[in-house]
């Protein structure tokens, strides 16, 4: 984990989708907080809590390599 601080929520979201498309596990985990209070729920998936569970599910998802393309068509920002 990098301890990376993103200047804005938009920067964090961009980093998330870039890591997702590249199947970049380190890049993906850099977007998450570095504590055990994180929670991730994938569509139709179970609740994952803590760094180890979240990292492991992303590792499994990325094992097949890049192939996913994400296109955001309607973004809403609430400030």
C-alpha atoms as a PDB file:
ATOM      1  CA  UNK A   1       0.000   0.000   0.000  1.00  0.00           C
ATOM      2  CA  UNK A   2       1.258   3.419  -0.884  1.00  0.00           C
ATOM      3  CA  UNK A   3      -0.302   5.794   1.619  1.00  0.00           C
ATOM      4  CA  UNK A   4      -1.228   7.880  -1.401  1.00  0.00           C
ATOM      5  CA  UNK A   5      -3.346  10.966  -0.802  1.00  0.00           C
ATOM      6  CA  UNK A   6      -5.618  12.036  -3.649  1.00  0.00           C
ATOM      7  CA  UNK A   7      -6.241  15.781  -4.057  1.00  0.00           C
ATOM      8  CA  UNK A   8      -9.927  15.213  -4.834  1.00  0.00           C
ATOM      9  CA  UNK A   9     -12.582  12.525  -4.836  1.00  0.00           C
ATOM     10  CA  UNK A  10     -12.493  12.674  -8.644  1.00  0.00           C
ATOM     11  CA  UNK A  11      -8.753  11.872  -8.627  1.00  0.00           C
ATOM     12  CA  UNK A  12      -9.393   8.855  -6.370  1.00  0.00           C
ATOM     13  CA  UNK A  13     -12.224   7.667  -8.620  1.00  0.00           C
ATOM     14  CA  UNK A  14     -10.058   8.034 -11.727  1.00  0.00           C
ATOM     15  CA  UNK A  15      -7.266   6.038 -10.059  1.00  0.00           C
ATOM     16  CA  UNK A  16      -9.767   3.316  -9.111  1.00  0.00           C
ATOM     17  CA  UNK A  17     -11.039   2.868 -12.668  1.00  0.00           C
ATOM     18  CA  UNK A  18      -7.549   3.052 -14.183  1.00  0.00           C
ATOM     19  CA  UNK A  19      -6.351   0.311 -11.810  1.00  0.00           C
ATOM     20  CA  UNK A  20      -9.464  -1.743 -12.587  1.00  0.00           C
ATOM     21  CA  UNK A  21      -8.878  -1.564 -16.345  1.00  0.00           C
ATOM     22  CA  UNK A  22      -5.151  -2.388 -15.999  1.00  0.00           C
ATOM     23  CA  UNK A  23      -5.746  -5.157 -13.431  1.00  0.00           C
ATOM     24  CA  UNK A  24      -3.212  -3.323 -11.269  1.00  0.00           C
ATOM     25  CA  UNK A  25      -3.519  -4.716  -7.748  1.00  0.00           C
ATOM     26  CA  UNK A  26      -1.101  -2.238  -6.161  1.00  0.00           C
ATOM     27  CA  UNK A  27      -2.827   0.656  -7.935  1.00  0.00           C
ATOM     28  CA  UNK A  28      -6.212  -0.608  -6.753  1.00  0.00           C
ATOM     29  CA  UNK A  29      -5.111  -0.985  -3.146  1.00  0.00           C
ATOM     30  CA  UNK A  30      -3.582   2.524  -3.218  1.00  0.00           C
ATOM     31  CA  UNK A  31      -7.135   3.861  -3.526  1.00  0.00           C
ATOM     32  CA  UNK A  32      -8.309   2.140  -0.333  1.00  0.00           C
ATOM     33  CA  UNK A  33      -7.647   3.359   3.203  1.00  0.00           C
ATOM     34  CA  UNK A  34      -4.790   1.569   4.929  1.00  0.00           C
ATOM     35  CA  UNK A  35      -6.748   0.330   7.922  1.00  0.00           C
ATOM     36  CA  UNK A  36      -8.868  -2.653   8.796  1.00  0.00           C
ATOM     37  CA  UNK A  37     -12.126  -0.676   8.730  1.00  0.00           C
ATOM     38  CA  UNK A  38     -12.470  -0.831   4.933  1.00  0.00           C
ATOM     39  CA  UNK A  39     -15.418  -2.723   3.451  1.00  0.00           C
ATOM     40  CA  UNK A  40     -16.022  -3.816  -0.139  1.00  0.00           C
ATOM     41  CA  UNK A  41     -19.171  -5.365  -1.598  1.00  0.00           C
ATOM     42  CA  UNK A  42     -19.056  -6.431  -5.240  1.00  0.00           C
ATOM     43  CA  UNK A  43     -22.333  -6.820  -7.142  1.00  0.00           C
ATOM     44  CA  UNK A  44     -23.967 -10.083  -6.034  1.00  0.00           C
ATOM     45  CA  UNK A  45     -21.015 -10.666  -3.721  1.00  0.00           C
ATOM     46  CA  UNK A  46     -20.482 -11.013  -0.035  1.00  0.00           C
ATOM     47  CA  UNK A  47     -19.323  -8.277   2.323  1.00  0.00           C
ATOM     48  CA  UNK A  48     -15.528  -8.163   2.522  1.00  0.00           C
ATOM     49  CA  UNK A  49     -13.899  -6.416   5.459  1.00  0.00           C
ATOM     50  CA  UNK A  50     -10.284  -5.454   6.074  1.00  0.00           C
ATOM     51  CA  UNK A  51      -7.198  -5.133   3.909  1.00  0.00           C
ATOM     52  CA  UNK A  52      -6.555  -8.878   3.536  1.00  0.00           C
ATOM     53  CA  UNK A  53     -10.045  -9.775   2.281  1.00  0.00           C
ATOM     54  CA  UNK A  54     -10.323  -6.774  -0.030  1.00  0.00           C
ATOM     55  CA  UNK A  55      -6.848  -7.350  -1.504  1.00  0.00           C
ATOM     56  CA  UNK A  56      -7.500 -11.076  -2.029  1.00  0.00           C
ATOM     57  CA  UNK A  57     -10.758 -10.576  -3.920  1.00  0.00           C
ATOM     58  CA  UNK A  58      -9.148  -7.983  -6.227  1.00  0.00           C
ATOM     59  CA  UNK A  59      -6.158 -10.312  -6.736  1.00  0.00           C
ATOM     60  CA  UNK A  60      -8.503 -13.108  -7.830  1.00  0.00           C
ATOM     61  CA  UNK A  61     -10.458 -10.784 -10.121  1.00  0.00           C
ATOM     62  CA  UNK A  62      -7.254  -9.523 -11.761  1.00  0.00           C
ATOM     63  CA  UNK A  63      -5.714 -12.989 -12.209  1.00  0.00           C
ATOM     64  CA  UNK A  64      -7.080 -13.223 -15.764  1.00  0.00           C
ATOM     65  CA  UNK A  65      -5.311 -10.042 -16.798  1.00  0.00           C
ATOM     66  CA  UNK A  66      -6.612  -6.853 -18.409  1.00  0.00           C
ATOM     67  CA  UNK A  67      -9.736  -7.030 -20.469  1.00  0.00           C
ATOM     68  CA  UNK A  68     -12.308  -4.835 -18.810  1.00  0.00           C
ATOM     69  CA  UNK A  69     -13.113  -1.379 -20.167  1.00  0.00           C
ATOM     70  CA  UNK A  70     -15.092   1.031 -18.020  1.00  0.00           C
ATOM     71  CA  UNK A  71     -16.969   3.937 -19.534  1.00  0.00           C
ATOM     72  CA  UNK A  72     -18.728   6.337 -17.217  1.00  0.00           C
ATOM     73  CA  UNK A  73     -21.706   7.812 -18.998  1.00  0.00           C
ATOM     74  CA  UNK A  74     -23.509   9.805 -16.338  1.00  0.00           C
ATOM     75  CA  UNK A  75     -21.412  11.104 -13.499  1.00  0.00           C
ATOM     76  CA  UNK A  76     -22.970  12.997 -10.616  1.00  0.00           C
ATOM     77  CA  UNK A  77     -20.890  15.005  -8.171  1.00  0.00           C
ATOM     78  CA  UNK A  78     -22.431  16.133  -4.918  1.00  0.00           C
ATOM     79  CA  UNK A  79     -20.485  18.710  -2.945  1.00  0.00           C
END
